[in-house]
Protein backbone atom coordinates (compact mmCIF):
# COMPACT_ATOMS: atom_id res chain seq x y z
CA UNK A 1 0.00 0.00 0.00
CA UNK A 2 2.83 2.38 0.85
CA UNK A 3 4.35 1.88 -2.62
CA UNK A 4 1.02 2.68 -4.25
CA UNK A 5 0.76 5.97 -2.34
CA UNK A 6 4.37 6.90 -3.16
CA UNK A 7 3.79 6.01 -6.81
CA UNK A 8 0.65 8.14 -7.00
CA UNK A 9 2.42 11.09 -5.39
CA UNK A 10 5.26 10.75 -7.89
CA UNK A 11 2.84 10.70 -10.82
CA UNK A 12 0.94 13.72 -9.50
CA UNK A 13 4.14 15.70 -8.91
CA UNK A 14 5.40 14.89 -12.41
CA UNK A 15 2.10 16.08 -13.83
CA UNK A 16 2.32 19.36 -11.94
CA UNK A 17 5.91 19.94 -13.09
CA UNK A 18 4.99 19.20 -16.69
CA UNK A 19 2.01 21.54 -16.54
CA UNK A 20 4.22 24.31 -15.17
CA UNK A 21 6.78 23.75 -17.93
CA UNK A 22 4.05 24.03 -20.57
CA UNK A 23 2.65 27.32 -19.25
CA UNK A 24 4.49 29.21 -21.94
CA UNK A 25 3.96 32.72 -23.18
CA UNK A 26 1.16 34.57 -21.39
CA UNK A 27 -1.10 36.03 -24.07
CA UNK A 28 -3.39 38.58 -22.46
CA UNK A 29 -6.99 38.86 -23.60
CA UNK A 30 -6.95 42.62 -23.99
CA UNK A 31 -7.35 45.01 -26.91
CA UNK A 32 -4.61 46.44 -29.04
CA UNK A 33 -4.97 49.81 -27.29
CA UNK A 34 -4.98 48.23 -23.82
CA UNK A 35 -1.78 46.35 -24.64
CA UNK A 36 0.05 49.60 -25.36
CA UNK A 37 -1.37 51.26 -22.28
CA UNK A 38 -0.17 48.38 -20.12
CA UNK A 39 3.24 48.33 -21.87
CA UNK A 40 3.79 52.01 -21.11
CA UNK A 41 2.84 51.47 -17.44
CA UNK A 42 5.16 48.47 -17.08
CA UNK A 43 8.03 49.70 -19.26
CA UNK A 44 7.64 46.82 -21.71
CA UNK A 45 7.30 46.32 -25.45
CA UNK A 46 4.27 44.83 -27.23
CA UNK A 47 4.09 41.58 -29.19
CA UNK A 48 1.05 41.11 -31.45
CA UNK A 49 0.41 37.68 -32.91
CA UNK A 50 -2.10 37.94 -35.76
CA UNK A 51 -3.35 34.39 -36.18
CA UNK A 52 -6.48 32.43 -36.98
CA UNK A 53 -8.11 29.31 -35.60
CA UNK A 54 -7.62 27.21 -38.75
CA UNK A 55 -3.99 28.19 -39.38
CA UNK A 56 -1.63 25.18 -39.22
CA UNK A 57 1.60 27.23 -38.78
CA UNK A 58 -0.15 29.20 -36.01
CA UNK A 59 -1.01 25.97 -34.18
CA UNK A 60 2.56 24.71 -34.61
CA UNK A 61 3.91 27.88 -33.00
CA UNK A 62 1.35 27.59 -30.17
CA UNK A 63 2.52 24.08 -29.32
CA UNK A 64 6.27 24.38 -29.88
CA UNK A 65 7.48 28.00 -29.90
CA UNK A 66 5.26 29.66 -27.30
CA UNK A 67 5.67 26.74 -24.88
CA UNK A 68 9.48 26.87 -25.08
CA UNK A 69 10.69 27.77 -21.58
CA UNK A 70 13.48 30.09 -22.75
CA UNK A 71 11.25 32.01 -25.15
CA UNK A 72 8.36 32.18 -22.68
CA UNK A 73 10.55 33.49 -19.88
CA UNK A 74 11.98 36.31 -22.00
CA UNK A 75 8.65 37.26 -23.55
CA UNK A 76 6.74 37.23 -20.27
CA UNK A 77 9.42 39.39 -18.66
CA UNK A 78 9.89 41.96 -21.44
CA UNK A 79 6.69 42.01 -23.53
CA UNK A 80 2.95 42.49 -23.29
CA UNK A 81 1.71 39.72 -25.59
CA UNK A 82 -1.66 39.55 -27.33
CA UNK A 83 -3.22 37.39 -30.03
CA UNK A 84 -5.61 38.92 -32.52
CA UNK A 85 -7.79 37.02 -34.98
CA UNK A 86 -9.06 39.40 -37.68
CA UNK A 87 -11.23 36.69 -39.22
CA UNK A 88 -13.03 35.92 -35.96
CA UNK A 89 -13.13 39.53 -34.73
CA UNK A 90 -14.23 41.84 -37.53
CA UNK A 91 -13.59 44.92 -35.36
CA UNK A 92 -9.83 44.45 -35.83
CA UNK A 93 -9.94 43.35 -39.47
CA UNK A 94 -9.62 46.88 -40.84
CA UNK A 95 -6.51 47.67 -38.77
CA UNK A 96 -5.00 44.31 -39.68
CA UNK A 97 -5.47 44.88 -43.40
CA UNK A 98 -4.94 48.62 -43.79
CA UNK A 99 -2.56 49.60 -41.01
CA UNK A 100 -0.51 46.46 -40.43
CA UNK A 101 -0.91 45.12 -43.98
CA UNK A 102 -1.58 41.56 -42.82
CA UNK A 103 -1.57 39.26 -45.83
CA UNK A 104 -0.87 35.91 -44.20
CA UNK A 105 -0.91 34.09 -40.90
CA UNK A 106 0.71 34.11 -38.53
CA UNK A 107 1.99 37.66 -38.72
CA UNK A 108 4.21 38.55 -35.78
CA UNK A 109 4.62 42.21 -34.84
CA UNK A 110 6.92 43.68 -32.21
CA UNK A 111 6.35 47.28 -31.13
CA UNK A 112 7.92 49.74 -28.75
CA UNK A 113 5.50 50.97 -26.09
CA UNK A 114 5.11 54.23 -28.06
CA UNK A 115 3.66 52.29 -31.03
CA UNK A 116 6.76 52.26 -33.23
CA UNK A 117 7.00 49.00 -35.19
CA UNK A 118 10.32 47.28 -34.46
CA UNK A 119 9.93 44.01 -36.37
CA UNK A 120 7.46 42.17 -38.58
CA UNK A 121 7.66 38.51 -39.53
CA UNK A 122 5.17 36.50 -41.57
CA UNK A 123 4.69 32.75 -41.50
CA UNK A 124 5.37 29.99 -39.02
CA UNK A 125 8.74 30.07 -37.30
CA UNK A 126 10.68 27.33 -35.56
CA UNK A 127 11.95 27.81 -32.02
CA UNK A 128 15.38 28.70 -33.43
CA UNK A 129 14.04 31.17 -36.00
CA UNK A 130 11.74 32.87 -33.52
CA UNK A 131 14.47 33.03 -30.89
CA UNK A 132 16.72 34.93 -33.32
CA UNK A 133 13.96 37.45 -34.05
CA UNK A 134 13.24 37.83 -30.34
CA UNK A 135 16.93 38.33 -29.54
CA UNK A 136 17.19 41.11 -32.12
CA UNK A 137 14.05 42.86 -30.88
CA UNK A 138 15.05 42.72 -27.22
CA UNK A 139 18.60 43.85 -28.04
CA UNK A 140 17.24 46.99 -29.70
CA UNK A 141 15.01 47.99 -26.80
């Protein structure tokens, strides 16, 4: 019986550790404007991930890039991160098309807190590719 209890505790603790490792990038459910307001208050930059529900490269990045511990730690510390879906939310479709010239998904935008665009990347990125982009953006803060 003692071994069963110890085994169950081990399994539960492994599950908790795994769940914590998979927390990943914290995408806030706030508007574009609110993201910049919060970034100015916290002295951070803004990361906007334009993606859609049916986008395969978007899903790949959700499961591999944004769950990467090194990427998540840096992004959560230095950036206010939001996801916007211009197909699902028609209120942001005009800005996506006209202002940010979104032509494919995912489109990854990094901004200074004052709204200045620092970097734009289109298409799915591997952990290595995204890490290089992130390094460059954070270096130029």
